[in-house]
Protein backbone atom coordinates (compact mmCIF):
# COMPACT_ATOMS: atom_id res chain seq x y z
CA MET A 1 -13.38 -38.55 -34.82
CA ASN A 2 -12.81 -42.43 -35.18
CA GLY A 3 -9.01 -42.38 -35.64
CA SER A 4 -9.23 -43.23 -39.35
CA PHE A 5 -6.60 -40.64 -40.32
CA PRO A 6 -2.91 -41.28 -39.83
CA THR A 7 -1.11 -38.82 -37.84
CA GLY A 8 0.97 -37.89 -40.81
CA GLY A 9 -2.12 -36.55 -42.50
CA PHE A 10 -3.76 -38.11 -45.70
CA GLY A 11 -1.75 -41.10 -46.94
CA SER A 12 1.90 -41.00 -47.17
CA GLY A 13 4.85 -40.63 -49.77
CA SER A 14 3.28 -37.67 -51.28
CA PRO A 15 2.58 -34.05 -49.98
CA PHE A 16 -0.89 -34.64 -50.93
CA GLY A 17 -1.39 -38.26 -49.61
CA GLY A 18 -1.78 -41.58 -51.46
CA SER A 19 1.22 -43.39 -52.68
CA GLY A 20 2.35 -40.80 -55.24
CA GLY A 21 2.38 -43.56 -57.91
CA SER A 22 1.61 -43.12 -61.53
CA GLY A 23 -1.45 -41.18 -60.95
CA GLY A 24 0.25 -37.98 -59.72
CA PRO A 25 -0.65 -35.46 -57.03
CA GLY A 26 -4.22 -35.18 -58.51
CA ALA A 27 -4.91 -38.93 -58.20
CA ALA A 28 -3.54 -38.70 -54.60
CA ILE A 29 -5.71 -35.68 -53.92
CA PHE A 30 -8.67 -37.64 -55.06
CA ASP A 31 -7.60 -40.55 -52.88
CA ALA A 32 -7.41 -38.14 -49.92
CA LEU A 33 -10.94 -36.60 -50.61
CA ASP A 34 -12.21 -40.07 -50.83
CA GLN A 35 -10.86 -41.13 -47.40
CA LEU A 36 -12.15 -37.96 -46.03
CA ARG A 37 -15.61 -38.45 -47.31
CA LYS A 38 -15.76 -42.09 -45.99
CA SER A 39 -14.55 -41.03 -42.60
CA PHE A 40 -17.75 -38.84 -42.42
CA ASP A 41 -19.90 -41.66 -43.89
CA GLN A 42 -18.94 -43.85 -40.82
CA ARG A 43 -19.70 -41.20 -38.05
CA PRO A 44 -21.96 -42.27 -35.28
CA GLY A 45 -25.51 -41.25 -35.54
CA GLY A 46 -26.40 -43.00 -38.96
CA SER A 47 -27.90 -41.48 -41.96
CA THR A 48 -29.19 -37.92 -42.38
CA ARG A 49 -31.64 -39.20 -44.90
CA MET A 50 -34.94 -37.57 -43.75
CA ALA A 51 -38.61 -39.26 -44.08
CA ARG A 52 -40.81 -38.69 -47.00
CA GLY A 53 -43.29 -36.67 -44.93
CA ASP A 54 -40.60 -34.24 -43.79
CA VAL A 55 -40.01 -33.03 -47.53
CA ARG A 56 -43.66 -32.19 -47.35
CA ALA A 57 -43.40 -30.38 -44.04
CA ALA A 58 -40.17 -28.45 -45.22
CA VAL A 59 -41.88 -27.35 -48.40
CA LEU A 60 -45.09 -26.10 -46.70
CA SER A 61 -42.86 -24.48 -43.99
CA LEU A 62 -40.86 -22.52 -46.62
CA LEU A 63 -43.60 -21.63 -48.95
CA ALA A 64 -45.52 -20.17 -45.71
CA GLU A 65 -42.58 -17.54 -45.60
CA GLU A 66 -42.59 -16.67 -49.40
CA PRO A 67 -43.05 -18.16 -53.02
CA MET A 68 -40.11 -20.20 -54.18
CA HIS A 69 -39.12 -22.16 -57.10
CA GLY A 70 -37.96 -25.76 -56.65
CA TYR A 71 -34.21 -25.06 -56.56
CA GLN A 72 -34.58 -22.36 -54.04
CA ILE A 73 -36.51 -24.89 -51.95
CA ILE A 74 -33.73 -27.45 -52.07
CA ARG A 75 -31.00 -24.81 -51.38
CA GLU A 76 -32.86 -23.29 -48.59
CA ILE A 77 -33.48 -26.82 -46.91
CA GLU A 78 -29.70 -27.49 -47.31
CA ASP A 79 -28.82 -24.12 -45.84
CA ARG A 80 -31.22 -24.31 -42.80
CA SER A 81 -30.19 -27.85 -41.89
CA GLY A 82 -26.45 -26.75 -42.11
CA GLY A 83 -25.85 -28.90 -45.00
CA SER A 84 -26.97 -32.19 -43.12
CA TRP A 85 -30.05 -32.51 -45.38
CA LYS A 86 -30.31 -31.79 -49.22
CA PRO A 87 -33.34 -33.28 -50.65
CA SER A 88 -33.17 -34.36 -54.19
CA ALA A 89 -35.07 -32.71 -57.10
CA GLY A 90 -36.45 -36.24 -57.41
CA SER A 91 -38.21 -35.78 -54.04
CA VAL A 92 -38.91 -32.07 -54.00
CA TYR A 93 -40.64 -31.68 -57.42
CA PRO A 94 -43.09 -34.76 -57.05
CA THR A 95 -43.89 -33.32 -53.57
CA LEU A 96 -44.75 -29.95 -55.11
CA GLN A 97 -46.82 -31.70 -57.72
CA LEU A 98 -48.73 -33.51 -55.09
CA LEU A 99 -49.28 -30.37 -53.04
CA ALA A 100 -50.57 -28.74 -56.27
CA ASP A 101 -52.80 -31.74 -56.92
CA GLU A 102 -54.25 -31.24 -53.36
CA GLY A 103 -54.98 -27.61 -53.93
CA LEU A 104 -52.33 -26.48 -51.36
CA VAL A 105 -49.86 -24.81 -53.78
CA SER A 106 -50.00 -22.98 -57.04
CA ALA A 107 -47.40 -22.48 -59.64
CA GLU A 108 -46.87 -19.38 -61.69
CA GLU A 109 -44.31 -18.99 -64.44
CA GLN A 110 -41.72 -16.31 -63.64
CA ASN A 111 -38.66 -15.62 -65.51
CA GLY A 112 -38.84 -19.05 -67.22
CA ARG A 113 -39.27 -21.02 -63.84
CA LYS A 114 -42.09 -22.24 -61.96
CA THR A 115 -42.65 -20.23 -58.87
CA TYR A 116 -44.68 -22.07 -56.09
CA SER A 117 -46.95 -20.39 -53.51
CA LEU A 118 -49.33 -21.46 -50.88
CA THR A 119 -53.07 -21.07 -51.70
CA GLU A 120 -55.44 -20.18 -48.86
CA ALA A 121 -55.81 -23.99 -48.15
CA GLY A 122 -52.24 -24.43 -48.13
CA ARG A 123 -51.62 -21.55 -45.89
CA ALA A 124 -54.31 -23.07 -43.35
CA VAL A 125 -52.36 -26.29 -43.40
CA ALA A 126 -49.10 -24.72 -42.90
CA ASP A 127 -50.44 -22.74 -39.97
CA GLU A 128 -52.27 -25.75 -38.29
CA ALA A 129 -48.83 -27.64 -38.27
CA ASP A 130 -47.69 -27.30 -34.78
CA ALA A 131 -44.47 -29.24 -35.22
CA PRO A 132 -41.29 -27.45 -35.93
CA ALA A 133 -39.72 -27.36 -39.14
CA PRO A 134 -38.07 -30.60 -40.15
CA TRP A 135 -34.57 -29.05 -39.90
CA LYS A 136 -35.43 -27.83 -36.17
CA SER A 137 -37.04 -31.00 -35.07
CA SER A 138 -34.70 -32.87 -32.95
CA ASP A 139 -31.17 -32.86 -31.06
CA SER A 140 -30.00 -35.50 -33.49
CA SER A 141 -30.66 -33.05 -36.41
CA ARG A 142 -28.52 -30.41 -34.66
CA GLY A 143 -25.89 -32.85 -34.14
CA ALA A 144 -26.01 -33.68 -37.56
CA HIS A 145 -25.68 -30.15 -38.41
CA HIS A 146 -22.33 -29.95 -36.59
CA HIS A 147 -21.16 -33.15 -38.30
CA ALA A 148 -22.31 -31.70 -41.77
CA ALA A 149 -20.51 -28.51 -40.90
CA LEU A 150 -17.26 -30.23 -40.16
CA ALA A 151 -17.55 -32.43 -43.11
CA LYS A 152 -18.06 -29.36 -45.56
CA ALA A 153 -15.23 -27.23 -44.05
CA GLY A 154 -12.98 -30.48 -44.44
CA MET A 155 -13.97 -31.03 -47.98
CA ASP A 156 -13.75 -27.44 -48.84
CA LEU A 157 -10.03 -27.45 -47.42
CA ALA A 158 -9.17 -30.65 -49.30
CA GLY A 159 -10.71 -28.92 -52.50
CA ALA A 160 -8.32 -25.95 -51.87
CA ALA A 161 -5.48 -28.41 -51.67
CA ALA A 162 -6.52 -29.97 -54.77
CA GLN A 163 -6.32 -26.56 -56.51
CA PHE A 164 -2.78 -26.30 -55.49
CA ALA A 165 -2.12 -29.88 -56.92
CA ARG A 166 -3.71 -28.84 -60.17
CA SER A 167 -2.14 -25.26 -60.73
CA GLY A 168 0.41 -24.50 -57.94
CA ASP A 169 4.19 -24.34 -58.52
CA SER A 170 6.74 -26.13 -56.21
CA GLU A 171 7.05 -23.05 -53.83
CA GLN A 172 3.28 -22.64 -53.66
CA ILE A 173 2.70 -26.21 -52.91
CA ASP A 174 5.53 -26.26 -50.14
CA LYS A 175 3.78 -23.40 -48.49
CA ALA A 176 0.36 -25.07 -48.83
CA VAL A 177 1.91 -28.20 -47.15
CA GLU A 178 3.08 -26.09 -44.18
CA VAL A 179 -0.46 -24.52 -43.81
CA LEU A 180 -2.22 -27.97 -43.93
CA ASP A 181 0.34 -29.46 -41.49
CA ASP A 182 -0.12 -26.52 -39.07
CA ALA A 183 -4.05 -26.95 -39.29
CA ARG A 184 -3.55 -30.63 -38.63
CA ARG A 185 -1.50 -30.07 -35.63
CA LYS A 186 -4.14 -27.23 -34.38
CA LEU A 187 -7.04 -29.56 -34.91
CA TYR A 188 -5.31 -32.52 -32.77
CA ALA A 189 -4.54 -29.77 -30.03
CA ILE A 190 -8.15 -28.99 -29.65
CA LEU A 191 -9.12 -32.56 -29.27
CA ALA A 192 -6.48 -32.87 -26.59
CA GLN A 193 -7.83 -29.89 -24.44
CA ASP A 194 -10.07 -30.84 -21.57
């Protein structure tokens, strides 16, 4: 990484980082989470934001496989990109509406949700697309996948630590600190290997 984490872990003075001041362990956890999030925001390679046309290509690619509702499309794009790209509902639903206006998708109400599927014209457009799906399109997106997977794992671990701060007793917190310190040492050992 970029060396933004001190060797003692997140912050100091409290087993969970921060200053251990008046906010208590919960505030320290949120400080640590914010520090972790910011360290990934500063990573090399820039933004994982995709271009407007990529949402259209992704939607067509997914609907070529099977009908889906909007939330499924968002979730599939996030899963297939390894978490590096999660389009907002504000980009997916207007894209679906535009594709419907163009006669490329149709919507059907199923179980209280609109499920979208390709029309014949939409299937022809999807079949003609010779570019890979946007989440497969470049080495930089694969690199972003690795960064996103690392960020997700770090945030999941920090979330588990936050749960200990909220509901663990002293003995459980001591054990959690040991596990986290061991994990930190093992991570640095991996970086130290040639």
